[in-house]
């Protein structure tokens, strides 16, 4: 279970302070489909600091926000140190 700390997916009715549940099993990660909401881990290449992100997966390699406010820059999974940890099941 995770607490949402921002409105990055507010257009999809996931708001700041909502609680979400993610299936982090290997089987679930193998089933990630375009449009899936995911919890991802990004690693800062300069500091090795890890950050958890809530994003929408867009096939084949993008992680995006879907916000009522300004959206963040998309993350290309082959060009950044980022991996999907789980699929949001609400």
Protein backbone atom coordinates (compact mmCIF):
# COMPACT_ATOMS: atom_id res chain seq x y z
CA UNK A 1 0.00 0.00 0.00
CA UNK A 2 1.25 3.46 -0.91
CA UNK A 3 0.09 7.01 -0.10
CA UNK A 4 -0.04 9.30 -3.14
CA UNK A 5 2.02 12.42 -2.45
CA UNK A 6 1.02 14.53 -5.46
CA UNK A 7 -1.59 14.94 -8.18
CA UNK A 8 0.45 13.33 -10.97
CA UNK A 9 -2.48 11.10 -11.99
CA UNK A 10 -5.35 13.39 -11.00
CA UNK A 11 -6.95 13.17 -14.48
CA UNK A 12 -7.39 9.45 -13.71
CA UNK A 13 -9.08 10.24 -10.36
CA UNK A 14 -6.05 9.41 -8.21
CA UNK A 15 -5.55 12.41 -5.98
CA UNK A 16 -2.95 13.57 -3.47
CA UNK A 17 -3.27 11.67 -0.14
CA UNK A 18 -5.19 8.75 -1.69
CA UNK A 19 -4.11 5.27 -0.67
CA UNK A 20 -3.36 2.87 -3.51
CA UNK A 21 -2.49 -0.81 -3.64
CA UNK A 22 0.05 -2.17 -6.10
CA UNK A 23 0.67 -5.78 -7.07
CA UNK A 24 4.47 -6.04 -6.98
CA UNK A 25 4.73 -9.73 -7.89
CA UNK A 26 6.89 -10.78 -10.83
CA UNK A 27 3.80 -12.19 -12.55
CA UNK A 28 2.03 -8.84 -12.36
CA UNK A 29 5.02 -6.95 -13.75
CA UNK A 30 5.08 -9.31 -16.72
CA UNK A 31 1.48 -8.27 -17.47
CA UNK A 32 2.06 -4.51 -17.67
CA UNK A 33 -0.06 -3.21 -20.56
CA UNK A 34 -0.12 0.18 -22.23
CA UNK A 35 -2.22 2.49 -20.08
CA UNK A 36 -1.49 0.60 -16.85
CA UNK A 37 -0.87 2.65 -13.72
CA UNK A 38 2.42 1.63 -12.16
CA UNK A 39 4.73 2.24 -9.23
CA UNK A 40 8.25 2.67 -10.56
CA UNK A 41 11.66 3.14 -9.00
CA UNK A 42 13.98 5.75 -10.49
CA UNK A 43 17.65 5.96 -9.59
CA UNK A 44 19.51 9.26 -9.77
CA UNK A 45 22.63 8.48 -11.80
CA UNK A 46 24.72 11.09 -9.97
CA UNK A 47 23.80 10.21 -6.37
CA UNK A 48 22.35 6.68 -6.66
CA UNK A 49 19.35 7.98 -4.67
CA UNK A 50 16.19 5.93 -5.28
CA UNK A 51 12.78 7.55 -5.70
CA UNK A 52 9.37 5.91 -6.00
CA UNK A 53 7.16 7.29 -8.76
CA UNK A 54 3.50 6.85 -9.63
CA UNK A 55 3.11 6.91 -13.41
CA UNK A 56 1.06 5.66 -16.34
CA UNK A 57 2.89 3.23 -18.62
CA UNK A 58 2.60 3.91 -22.35
CA UNK A 59 3.92 1.15 -24.59
CA UNK A 60 6.58 0.47 -25.50
CA UNK A 61 8.86 2.39 -23.09
CA UNK A 62 7.31 5.57 -21.66
CA UNK A 63 6.22 6.53 -18.15
CA UNK A 64 4.01 9.62 -18.05
CA UNK A 65 1.97 11.72 -15.67
CA UNK A 66 -1.68 12.48 -16.37
CA UNK A 67 -2.45 15.52 -14.26
CA UNK A 68 -5.11 18.24 -14.19
CA UNK A 69 -2.18 20.60 -13.59
CA UNK A 70 1.13 20.78 -15.42
CA UNK A 71 2.47 17.34 -16.39
CA UNK A 72 6.02 16.19 -15.72
CA UNK A 73 8.40 15.26 -18.50
CA UNK A 74 7.89 11.71 -19.74
CA UNK A 75 10.52 9.13 -18.79
CA UNK A 76 11.92 6.84 -21.47
CA UNK A 77 12.61 3.57 -19.69
CA UNK A 78 15.51 2.60 -21.95
CA UNK A 79 17.31 5.92 -21.43
CA UNK A 80 16.83 6.36 -17.68
CA UNK A 81 17.59 4.18 -14.68
CA UNK A 82 13.97 3.31 -13.93
CA UNK A 83 12.05 0.08 -13.48
CA UNK A 84 8.45 -0.87 -12.80
CA UNK A 85 8.00 -2.30 -9.31
CA UNK A 86 4.27 -3.01 -9.49
CA UNK A 87 0.90 -2.44 -11.12
CA UNK A 88 -1.66 -0.29 -9.31
CA UNK A 89 -4.82 -2.27 -8.54
CA UNK A 90 -6.33 0.65 -6.55
